[in-house]
Amino acid sequence: MILYGAALFGSPVSKIIDEQTMTKVEETALFARVAQSARADGKEAYFRLHRYRFAAMLRAMGSANGARVLEVGVTPGQFTELLVGAGFKVSGADLDPFTRKALWDRLGVEVRQVNLEREPVPYPDASFDWVVFSEVIEHMVYSPLPILREFYRVLRPGGKLLITTPNELYLKSRMRAIARMLLWQSLNTREEFRHQMLLEGEARYTTHSRTYTMDELTWLVEQAGFRIELKRFEAPWERVGLEAERLLHAPHRVLAKAIFFALTAIIPPTRSMLLVVGQRPTG
């Protein structure tokens, strides 16, 4: 069951207790509460864009059972709020833990500062049951292997690493690349090139350094010592904009999105997101 506090703001997000798994009704209620929080926080558009990714991640993690989770790359904090609401015991690590400090305080989540490419993860060995690394690996400038080995270190034996990242072979991206090649153009637009070249210091992490195929991502996870427990092609971005109410305002756009969604549903490797769960061996 879900127990709701007297106020949404000013107290930790409500917890789901006394059950091992969320029902569909509970999941819907939890997402509605976080959507309300995002709206009050001025982050409604971000939550709308990412809510299907969040749902896929929660499904992959299953029941909380009091598990300790380290979320790496917590900003803006919406999935953090979902994790807390689902009953996980959450800690965080982020390049900038200060901007959203009021949210971390409200959720009762400690977030420690770290630059993953320069520093070890700031938590002791074997501290967590889960590490969540969602939509971050593509921002790393160097090889992510040392970072993945750090996650292995902070996980207890049997603990699990969840990674999501954009699919290098996403149908929309491939079609765009083919179109630009046929037009004898750079794969990046002029604006994209100039934006990336002007980034300095830690601002480099605001753009993608590279994306991965499923084979590449699972190879990296295995090289770091994990056993692959789950690998799945997900379609969170394809679902955005297919809401029935949008038919009244932009029917042609909704139809085009629906056709595109159907194509990726038929051919899973062309979907927009990779989801991988690796487990640290117990032996």
C-alpha atoms as a PDB file:
ATOM      1  CA  MET A   1       0.000   0.000   0.000  1.00  0.00           C
ATOM      2  CA  ILE A   2       1.051   3.624  -0.389  1.00  0.00           C
ATOM      3  CA  LEU A   3       1.006   5.874   2.615  1.00  0.00           C
ATOM      4  CA  TYR A   4       0.616   9.536   1.744  1.00  0.00           C
ATOM      5  CA  GLY A   5       1.987  12.295   3.941  1.00  0.00           C
ATOM      6  CA  ALA A   6      -0.051  15.305   4.922  1.00  0.00           C
ATOM      7  CA  ALA A   7       1.892  17.525   2.540  1.00  0.00           C
ATOM      8  CA  LEU A   8       3.728  16.823  -0.688  1.00  0.00           C
ATOM      9  CA  PHE A   9       6.404  19.397  -0.032  1.00  0.00           C
ATOM     10  CA  GLY A  10       8.418  19.863   3.131  1.00  0.00           C
ATOM     11  CA  SER A  11       8.416  16.164   4.036  1.00  0.00           C
ATOM     12  CA  PRO A  12      10.081  13.105   2.453  1.00  0.00           C
ATOM     13  CA  VAL A  13       8.208  11.587  -0.468  1.00  0.00           C
ATOM     14  CA  SER A  14       5.695   8.891   0.544  1.00  0.00           C
ATOM     15  CA  LYS A  15       6.938   5.322   0.836  1.00  0.00           C
ATOM     16  CA  ILE A  16       5.460   2.105  -0.481  1.00  0.00           C
ATOM     17  CA  ILE A  17       5.480  -0.455   2.314  1.00  0.00           C
ATOM     18  CA  ASP A  18       4.105  -3.828   3.322  1.00  0.00           C
ATOM     19  CA  GLU A  19       4.256  -5.225  -0.236  1.00  0.00           C
ATOM     20  CA  GLN A  20       7.100  -6.723  -2.209  1.00  0.00           C
ATOM     21  CA  THR A  21       6.098  -5.258  -5.556  1.00  0.00           C
ATOM     22  CA  MET A  22       4.179  -2.244  -6.795  1.00  0.00           C
ATOM     23  CA  THR A  23       0.801  -2.788  -8.392  1.00  0.00           C
ATOM     24  CA  LYS A  24      -0.074  -0.845 -11.522  1.00  0.00           C
ATOM     25  CA  VAL A  25      -2.325   1.412  -9.442  1.00  0.00           C
ATOM     26  CA  GLU A  26       0.511   2.161  -7.016  1.00  0.00           C
ATOM     27  CA  GLU A  27       2.963   2.844  -9.819  1.00  0.00           C
ATOM     28  CA  THR A  28       0.486   5.225 -11.459  1.00  0.00           C
ATOM     29  CA  ALA A  29      -0.079   7.036  -8.160  1.00  0.00           C
ATOM     30  CA  LEU A  30       3.652   7.338  -7.521  1.00  0.00           C
ATOM     31  CA  PHE A  31       4.317   8.736 -10.997  1.00  0.00           C
ATOM     32  CA  ALA A  32       1.436  11.189 -10.606  1.00  0.00           C
ATOM     33  CA  ARG A  33       2.933  12.506  -7.368  1.00  0.00           C
ATOM     34  CA  VAL A  34       6.390  12.944  -8.870  1.00  0.00           C
ATOM     35  CA  ALA A  35       4.829  14.628 -11.913  1.00  0.00           C
ATOM     36  CA  GLN A  36       3.140  17.066  -9.529  1.00  0.00           C
ATOM     37  CA  SER A  37       6.471  17.670  -7.800  1.00  0.00           C
ATOM     38  CA  ALA A  38       8.165  18.244 -11.177  1.00  0.00           C
ATOM     39  CA  ARG A  39       5.461  20.718 -12.170  1.00  0.00           C
ATOM     40  CA  ALA A  40       5.940  22.706  -8.976  1.00  0.00           C
ATOM     41  CA  ASP A  41       9.702  22.609  -9.556  1.00  0.00           C
ATOM     42  CA  GLY A  42       9.504  23.912 -13.127  1.00  0.00           C
ATOM     43  CA  LYS A  43      10.699  20.546 -14.493  1.00  0.00           C
ATOM     44  CA  GLU A  44       7.403  19.307 -15.975  1.00  0.00           C
ATOM     45  CA  ALA A  45       8.733  19.087 -19.548  1.00  0.00           C
ATOM     46  CA  TYR A  46      11.733  17.025 -18.443  1.00  0.00           C
ATOM     47  CA  PHE A  47       9.531  14.559 -16.577  1.00  0.00           C
ATOM     48  CA  ARG A  48       7.176  14.235 -19.535  1.00  0.00           C
ATOM     49  CA  LEU A  49      10.107  13.429 -21.821  1.00  0.00           C
ATOM     50  CA  HIS A  50      11.751  10.920 -19.478  1.00  0.00           C
ATOM     51  CA  ARG A  51       8.869   9.222 -17.673  1.00  0.00           C
ATOM     52  CA  TYR A  52       8.899   6.108 -19.882  1.00  0.00           C
ATOM     53  CA  ARG A  53      12.631   5.701 -19.255  1.00  0.00           C
ATOM     54  CA  PHE A  54      11.996   5.933 -15.520  1.00  0.00           C
ATOM     55  CA  ALA A  55       9.235   3.325 -15.733  1.00  0.00           C
ATOM     56  CA  ALA A  56      11.479   0.903 -17.647  1.00  0.00           C
ATOM     57  CA  MET A  57      14.206   1.299 -15.043  1.00  0.00           C
ATOM     58  CA  LEU A  58      11.886   0.671 -12.104  1.00  0.00           C
ATOM     59  CA  ARG A  59      10.551  -2.449 -13.811  1.00  0.00           C
ATOM     60  CA  ALA A  60      14.098  -3.716 -14.326  1.00  0.00           C
ATOM     61  CA  MET A  61      14.931  -3.183 -10.640  1.00  0.00           C
ATOM     62  CA  GLY A  62      11.855  -4.964  -9.303  1.00  0.00           C
ATOM     63  CA  SER A  63      10.871  -4.852  -5.638  1.00  0.00           C
ATOM     64  CA  ALA A  64      12.782  -2.648  -3.234  1.00  0.00           C
ATOM     65  CA  ASN A  65      12.868  -4.848  -0.124  1.00  0.00           C
ATOM     66  CA  GLY A  66      14.924  -2.145   1.589  1.00  0.00           C
ATOM     67  CA  ALA A  67      17.738  -2.341  -0.983  1.00  0.00           C
ATOM     68  CA  ARG A  68      20.455   0.308  -0.839  1.00  0.00           C
ATOM     69  CA  VAL A  69      20.865   2.190  -4.131  1.00  0.00           C
ATOM     70  CA  LEU A  70      23.631   4.492  -5.311  1.00  0.00           C
ATOM     71  CA  GLU A  71      22.344   6.705  -8.104  1.00  0.00           C
ATOM     72  CA  VAL A  72      25.254   8.210 -10.044  1.00  0.00           C
ATOM     73  CA  GLY A  73      24.245  11.364 -11.864  1.00  0.00           C
ATOM     74  CA  VAL A  74      21.165  12.296  -9.844  1.00  0.00           C
ATOM     75  CA  THR A  75      20.287  15.716 -11.292  1.00  0.00           C
ATOM     76  CA  PRO A  76      17.507  16.801 -11.733  1.00  0.00           C
ATOM     77  CA  GLY A  77      16.315  14.261  -9.146  1.00  0.00           C
ATOM     78  CA  GLN A  78      13.050  12.930 -10.548  1.00  0.00           C
ATOM     79  CA  PHE A  79      14.184   9.315 -10.695  1.00  0.00           C
ATOM     80  CA  THR A  80      15.703   9.795  -7.233  1.00  0.00           C
ATOM     81  CA  GLU A  81      12.267  10.783  -5.992  1.00  0.00           C
ATOM     82  CA  LEU A  82      10.711   7.734  -7.659  1.00  0.00           C
ATOM     83  CA  LEU A  83      13.294   5.442  -6.053  1.00  0.00           C
ATOM     84  CA  VAL A  84      12.625   6.868  -2.600  1.00  0.00           C
ATOM     85  CA  GLY A  85       8.890   6.607  -3.173  1.00  0.00           C
ATOM     86  CA  ALA A  86       9.258   2.958  -4.223  1.00  0.00           C
ATOM     87  CA  GLY A  87      10.971   2.120  -0.933  1.00  0.00           C
ATOM     88  CA  PHE A  88      14.656   2.067  -1.885  1.00  0.00           C
ATOM     89  CA  LYS A  89      17.291   3.518   0.448  1.00  0.00           C
ATOM     90  CA  VAL A  90      19.003   6.008  -1.842  1.00  0.00           C
ATOM     91  CA  SER A  91      22.381   7.736  -1.850  1.00  0.00           C
ATOM     92  CA  GLY A  92      23.742   9.818  -4.688  1.00  0.00           C
ATOM     93  CA  ALA A  93      26.891  10.991  -6.437  1.00  0.00           C
ATOM     94  CA  ASP A  94      26.962  13.911  -8.846  1.00  0.00           C
ATOM     95  CA  LEU A  95      29.274  16.436 -10.450  1.00  0.00           C
ATOM     96  CA  ASP A  96      27.105  19.201  -8.939  1.00  0.00           C
ATOM     97  CA  PRO A  97      25.261  18.143  -5.766  1.00  0.00           C
ATOM     98  CA  PHE A  98      24.698  21.732  -4.647  1.00  0.00           C
ATOM     99  CA  THR A  99      22.205  23.230  -7.109  1.00  0.00           C
ATOM    100  CA  ARG A 100      19.449  20.780  -6.126  1.00  0.00           C
ATOM    101  CA  LYS A 101      20.359  20.543  -2.423  1.00  0.00           C
ATOM    102  CA  ALA A 102      16.864  21.589  -1.298  1.00  0.00           C
ATOM    103  CA  LEU A 103      15.422  18.566  -3.104  1.00  0.00           C
ATOM    104  CA  TRP A 104      17.974  16.161  -1.617  1.00  0.00           C
ATOM    105  CA  ASP A 105      17.164  17.514   1.842  1.00  0.00           C
ATOM    106  CA  ARG A 106      13.435  17.065   1.247  1.00  0.00           C
ATOM    107  CA  LEU A 107      13.951  13.481   0.087  1.00  0.00           C
ATOM    108  CA  GLY A 108      16.429  12.647   2.850  1.00  0.00           C
ATOM    109  CA  VAL A 109      19.088  11.649   0.293  1.00  0.00           C
ATOM    110  CA  GLU A 110      22.806  12.284   0.779  1.00  0.00           C
ATOM    111  CA  VAL A 111      24.475  13.304  -2.485  1.00  0.00           C
ATOM    112  CA  ARG A 112      28.284  13.456  -2.594  1.00  0.00           C
ATOM    113  CA  GLN A 113      30.301  15.357  -5.169  1.00  0.00           C
ATOM    114  CA  VAL A 114      32.497  13.458  -7.627  1.00  0.00           C
ATOM    115  CA  ASN A 115      34.101  13.847 -11.039  1.00  0.00           C
ATOM    116  CA  LEU A 116      34.007  10.223 -12.163  1.00  0.00           C
ATOM    117  CA  GLU A 117      36.892  10.593 -14.602  1.00  0.00           C
ATOM    118  CA  ARG A 118      39.215  12.072 -11.989  1.00  0.00           C
ATOM    119  CA  GLU A 119      38.153  10.646  -8.619  1.00  0.00           C
ATOM    120  CA  PRO A 120      37.006   7.350  -7.103  1.00  0.00           C
ATOM    121  CA  VAL A 121      33.351   6.956  -6.191  1.00  0.00           C
ATOM    122  CA  PRO A 122      33.166   8.520  -2.680  1.00  0.00           C
ATOM    123  CA  TYR A 123      31.655   5.519  -0.887  1.00  0.00           C
ATOM    124  CA  PRO A 124      33.222   2.480   0.840  1.00  0.00           C
ATOM    125  CA  ASP A 125      33.582  -0.999  -0.649  1.00  0.00           C
ATOM    126  CA  ALA A 126      30.514  -3.256  -0.793  1.00  0.00           C
ATOM    127  CA  SER A 127      28.109  -0.499   0.312  1.00  0.00           C
ATOM    128  CA  PHE A 128      25.207  -0.954  -2.099  1.00  0.00           C
ATOM    129  CA  ASP A 129      22.767  -3.456  -3.569  1.00  0.00           C
ATOM    130  CA  TRP A 130      22.279  -1.395  -6.732  1.00  0.00           C
ATOM    131  CA  VAL A 131      24.201   1.218  -8.692  1.00  0.00           C
ATOM    132  CA  VAL A 132      22.089   3.198 -11.170  1.00  0.00           C
ATOM    133  CA  PHE A 133      23.995   4.873 -14.018  1.00  0.00           C
ATOM    134  CA  SER A 134      21.336   6.241 -16.352  1.00  0.00           C
ATOM    135  CA  GLU A 135      22.000   8.460 -19.388  1.00  0.00           C
ATOM    136  CA  VAL A 136      25.492   9.327 -18.140  1.00  0.00           C
ATOM    137  CA  ILE A 137      27.974   6.926 -19.767  1.00  0.00           C
ATOM    138  CA  GLU A 138      27.555   8.646 -23.151  1.00  0.00           C
ATOM    139  CA  HIS A 139      28.828  11.896 -21.604  1.00  0.00           C
ATOM    140  CA  MET A 140      32.156  10.432 -20.469  1.00  0.00           C
ATOM    141  CA  VAL A 141      35.143  11.780 -22.405  1.00  0.00           C
ATOM    142  CA  TYR A 142      37.463   8.818 -21.753  1.00  0.00           C
ATOM    143  CA  SER A 143      36.932   5.077 -21.556  1.00  0.00           C
ATOM    144  CA  PRO A 144      34.258   4.307 -18.928  1.00  0.00           C
ATOM    145  CA  LEU A 145      35.969   1.085 -17.824  1.00  0.00           C
ATOM    146  CA  PRO A 146      37.661   2.596 -14.720  1.00  0.00           C
ATOM    147  CA  ILE A 147      34.282   4.027 -13.678  1.00  0.00           C
ATOM    148  CA  LEU A 148      32.524   0.685 -14.127  1.00  0.00           C
ATOM    149  CA  ARG A 149      35.231  -0.993 -12.015  1.00  0.00           C
ATOM    150  CA  GLU A 150      34.535   1.571  -9.287  1.00  0.00           C
ATOM    151  CA  PHE A 151      30.875   0.590  -9.373  1.00  0.00           C
ATOM    152  CA  TYR A 152      31.949  -3.044  -8.995  1.00  0.00           C
ATOM    153  CA  ARG A 153      33.935  -2.031  -5.907  1.00  0.00           C
ATOM    154  CA  VAL A 154      31.079  -0.254  -4.130  1.00  0.00           C
ATOM    155  CA  LEU A 155      28.564  -3.029  -4.849  1.00  0.00           C
ATOM    156  CA  ARG A 156      28.220  -5.913  -2.438  1.00  0.00           C
ATOM    157  CA  PRO A 157      28.734  -9.420  -3.900  1.00  0.00           C
ATOM    158  CA  GLY A 158      25.524 -10.186  -5.757  1.00  0.00           C
ATOM    159  CA  GLY A 159      24.770  -6.476  -6.174  1.00  0.00           C
ATOM    160  CA  LYS A 160      23.623  -5.128  -9.516  1.00  0.00           C
ATOM    161  CA  LEU A 161      24.506  -2.315 -11.892  1.00  0.00           C
ATOM    162  CA  LEU A 162      21.771  -0.751 -14.039  1.00  0.00           C
ATOM    163  CA  ILE A 163      22.857   1.243 -17.093  1.00  0.00           C
ATOM    164  CA  THR A 164      20.732   3.018 -19.661  1.00  0.00           C
ATOM    165  CA  THR A 165      22.102   4.963 -22.610  1.00  0.00           C
ATOM    166  CA  PRO A 166      21.002   6.056 -26.091  1.00  0.00           C
ATOM    167  CA  ASN A 167      21.264   3.343 -28.740  1.00  0.00           C
ATOM    168  CA  GLU A 168      23.920   4.060 -31.373  1.00  0.00           C
ATOM    169  CA  LEU A 169      21.760   2.132 -33.858  1.00  0.00           C
ATOM    170  CA  TYR A 170      18.519   3.974 -33.091  1.00  0.00           C
ATOM    171  CA  LEU A 171      16.438   4.082 -36.276  1.00  0.00           C
ATOM    172  CA  LYS A 172      15.867   7.844 -36.177  1.00  0.00           C
ATOM    173  CA  SER A 173      19.593   8.526 -35.707  1.00  0.00           C
ATOM    174  CA  ARG A 174      20.554   6.100 -38.495  1.00  0.00           C
ATOM    175  CA  MET A 175      18.046   7.675 -40.900  1.00  0.00           C
ATOM    176  CA  ARG A 176      19.355  11.145 -40.085  1.00  0.00           C
ATOM    177  CA  ALA A 177      22.957  10.013 -40.632  1.00  0.00           C
ATOM    178  CA  ILE A 178      22.112   8.351 -43.951  1.00  0.00           C
ATOM    179  CA  ALA A 179      20.275  11.461 -45.147  1.00  0.00           C
ATOM    180  CA  ARG A 180      23.217  13.713 -44.277  1.00  0.00           C
ATOM    181  CA  MET A 181      25.691  11.364 -45.955  1.00  0.00           C
ATOM    182  CA  LEU A 182      23.592  11.253 -49.126  1.00  0.00           C
ATOM    183  CA  LEU A 183      23.637  15.053 -49.110  1.00  0.00           C
ATOM    184  CA  TRP A 184      27.452  14.934 -48.676  1.00  0.00           C
ATOM    185  CA  GLN A 185      27.231  16.711 -45.311  1.00  0.00           C
ATOM    186  CA  SER A 186      28.971  16.253 -41.991  1.00  0.00           C
ATOM    187  CA  LEU A 187      27.107  13.985 -39.578  1.00  0.00           C
ATOM    188  CA  ASN A 188      26.919  16.971 -37.220  1.00  0.00           C
ATOM    189  CA  THR A 189      25.241  20.223 -38.152  1.00  0.00           C
ATOM    190  CA  ARG A 190      27.286  23.408 -38.081  1.00  0.00           C
ATOM    191  CA  GLU A 191      25.498  24.465 -34.906  1.00  0.00           C
ATOM    192  CA  GLU A 192      26.237  21.134 -33.191  1.00  0.00           C
ATOM    193  CA  PHE A 193      29.913  21.321 -34.155  1.00  0.00           C
ATOM    194  CA  ARG A 194      30.348  24.881 -32.909  1.00  0.00           C
ATOM    195  CA  HIS A 195      28.507  24.169 -29.674  1.00  0.00           C
ATOM    196  CA  GLN A 196      30.745  21.186 -28.881  1.00  0.00           C
ATOM    197  CA  MET A 197      33.967  22.996 -29.771  1.00  0.00           C
ATOM    198  CA  LEU A 198      33.143  25.914 -27.462  1.00  0.00           C
ATOM    199  CA  LEU A 199      32.661  23.687 -24.419  1.00  0.00           C
ATOM    200  CA  GLU A 200      35.507  23.859 -21.911  1.00  0.00           C
ATOM    201  CA  GLY A 201      36.244  22.226 -18.576  1.00  0.00           C
ATOM    202  CA  GLU A 202      33.351  20.435 -16.925  1.00  0.00           C
ATOM    203  CA  ALA A 203      30.943  21.909 -19.479  1.00  0.00           C
ATOM    204  CA  ARG A 204      32.150  19.102 -21.777  1.00  0.00           C
ATOM    205  CA  TYR A 205      29.932  16.744 -19.810  1.00  0.00           C
ATOM    206  CA  THR A 206      26.769  18.515 -21.003  1.00  0.00           C
ATOM    207  CA  THR A 207      27.057  16.917 -24.442  1.00  0.00           C
ATOM    208  CA  HIS A 208      27.443  13.343 -25.691  1.00  0.00           C
ATOM    209  CA  SER A 209      31.011  12.181 -26.288  1.00  0.00           C
ATOM    210  CA  ARG A 210      29.865   8.930 -27.943  1.00  0.00           C
ATOM    211  CA  THR A 211      27.008   6.454 -27.976  1.00  0.00           C
ATOM    212  CA  TYR A 212      27.175   2.647 -27.852  1.00  0.00           C
ATOM    213  CA  THR A 213      25.705  -0.422 -29.483  1.00  0.00           C
ATOM    214  CA  MET A 214      24.336  -3.196 -27.295  1.00  0.00           C
ATOM    215  CA  ASP A 215      27.360  -5.393 -28.057  1.00  0.00           C
ATOM    216  CA  GLU A 216      29.743  -2.599 -27.065  1.00  0.00           C
ATOM    217  CA  LEU A 217      27.901  -1.786 -23.840  1.00  0.00           C
ATOM    218  CA  THR A 218      27.626  -5.396 -22.671  1.00  0.00           C
ATOM    219  CA  TRP A 219      31.318  -5.947 -23.504  1.00  0.00           C
ATOM    220  CA  LEU A 220      32.267  -2.984 -21.297  1.00  0.00           C
ATOM    221  CA  VAL A 221      30.124  -4.256 -18.419  1.00  0.00           C
ATOM    222  CA  GLU A 222      31.644  -7.728 -18.680  1.00  0.00           C
ATOM    223  CA  GLN A 223      35.177  -6.313 -18.889  1.00  0.00           C
ATOM    224  CA  ALA A 224      34.549  -4.578 -15.562  1.00  0.00           C
ATOM    225  CA  GLY A 225      33.863  -7.983 -13.967  1.00  0.00           C
ATOM    226  CA  PHE A 226      30.055  -8.161 -14.101  1.00  0.00           C
ATOM    227  CA  ARG A 227      27.860 -10.959 -15.351  1.00  0.00           C
ATOM    228  CA  ILE A 228      25.118  -9.774 -17.703  1.00  0.00           C
ATOM    229  CA  GLU A 229      21.747 -10.473 -16.101  1.00  0.00           C
ATOM    230  CA  LEU A 230      19.502  -8.470 -18.419  1.00  0.00           C
ATOM    231  CA  LYS A 231      19.859  -6.634 -21.718  1.00  0.00           C
ATOM    232  CA  ARG A 232      16.927  -4.987 -23.376  1.00  0.00           C
ATOM    233  CA  PHE A 233      16.141  -2.528 -26.147  1.00  0.00           C
ATOM    234  CA  GLU A 234      13.632   0.012 -24.836  1.00  0.00           C
ATOM    235  CA  ALA A 235      11.545   2.659 -26.635  1.00  0.00           C
ATOM    236  CA  PRO A 236      10.971   5.486 -24.127  1.00  0.00           C
ATOM    237  CA  TRP A 237      11.473   8.384 -26.538  1.00  0.00           C
ATOM    238  CA  GLU A 238       9.250   6.905 -29.254  1.00  0.00           C
ATOM    239  CA  ARG A 239       6.260   6.937 -26.882  1.00  0.00           C
ATOM    240  CA  VAL A 240       6.485  10.652 -26.118  1.00  0.00           C
ATOM    241  CA  GLY A 241       3.923  12.622 -28.125  1.00  0.00           C
ATOM    242  CA  LEU A 242       1.544   9.727 -28.729  1.00  0.00           C
ATOM    243  CA  GLU A 243      -0.941  10.901 -26.110  1.00  0.00           C
ATOM    244  CA  ALA A 244      -4.533  10.777 -27.409  1.00  0.00           C
ATOM    245  CA  GLU A 245      -5.217  14.436 -26.599  1.00  0.00           C
ATOM    246  CA  ARG A 246      -2.488  15.512 -29.019  1.00  0.00           C
ATOM    247  CA  LEU A 247      -4.531  14.136 -31.935  1.00  0.00           C
ATOM    248  CA  LEU A 248      -6.723  17.233 -31.754  1.00  0.00           C
ATOM    249  CA  HIS A 249      -3.800  19.643 -32.047  1.00  0.00           C
ATOM    250  CA  ALA A 250      -1.274  17.866 -34.297  1.00  0.00           C
ATOM    251  CA  PRO A 251      -2.842  14.773 -35.930  1.00  0.00           C
ATOM    252  CA  HIS A 252      -0.236  14.491 -38.708  1.00  0.00           C
ATOM    253  CA  ARG A 253       2.646  14.597 -36.235  1.00  0.00           C
ATOM    254  CA  VAL A 254       0.999  11.991 -34.007  1.00  0.00           C
ATOM    255  CA  LEU A 255       0.418   9.738 -37.040  1.00  0.00           C
ATOM    256  CA  ALA A 256       4.060  10.045 -38.102  1.00  0.00           C
ATOM    257  CA  LYS A 257       5.221   9.258 -34.555  1.00  0.00           C
ATOM    258  CA  ALA A 258       2.862   6.270 -34.386  1.00  0.00           C
ATOM    259  CA  ILE A 259       4.297   4.821 -37.613  1.00  0.00           C
ATOM    260  CA  PHE A 260       7.830   5.322 -36.333  1.00  0.00           C
ATOM    261  CA  PHE A 261       6.936   3.716 -32.992  1.00  0.00           C
ATOM    262  CA  ALA A 262       5.418   0.731 -34.820  1.00  0.00           C
ATOM    263  CA  LEU A 263       8.605   0.234 -36.831  1.00  0.00           C
ATOM    264  CA  THR A 264      10.817   0.170 -33.746  1.00  0.00           C
ATOM    265  CA  ALA A 265       8.326  -2.123 -31.997  1.00  0.00           C
ATOM    266  CA  ILE A 266       8.722  -4.634 -34.835  1.00  0.00           C
ATOM    267  CA  ILE A 267      12.544  -4.372 -34.877  1.00  0.00           C
ATOM    268  CA  PRO A 268      13.749  -4.056 -31.234  1.00  0.00           C
ATOM    269  CA  PRO A 269      17.456  -3.341 -32.043  1.00  0.00           C
ATOM    270  CA  THR A 270      16.372  -0.074 -33.714  1.00  0.00           C
ATOM    271  CA  ARG A 271      14.802   1.297 -30.511  1.00  0.00           C
ATOM    272  CA  SER A 272      16.110   4.442 -28.865  1.00  0.00           C
ATOM    273  CA  MET A 273      17.548   3.157 -25.583  1.00  0.00           C
ATOM    274  CA  LEU A 274      19.752   0.365 -24.308  1.00  0.00           C
ATOM    275  CA  LEU A 275      19.078  -1.055 -20.834  1.00  0.00           C
ATOM    276  CA  VAL A 276      21.608  -3.406 -19.273  1.00  0.00           C
ATOM    277  CA  VAL A 277      21.772  -4.961 -15.808  1.00  0.00           C
ATOM    278  CA  GLY A 278      25.063  -6.509 -14.713  1.00  0.00           C
ATOM    279  CA  GLN A 279      25.549  -8.477 -11.496  1.00  0.00           C
ATOM    280  CA  ARG A 280      28.665  -8.640  -9.377  1.00  0.00           C
ATOM    281  CA  PRO A 281      29.400 -12.367  -8.866  1.00  0.00           C
ATOM    282  CA  THR A 282      28.980 -13.721  -5.347  1.00  0.00           C
ATOM    283  CA  GLY A 283      32.019 -15.981  -5.527  1.00  0.00           C
END
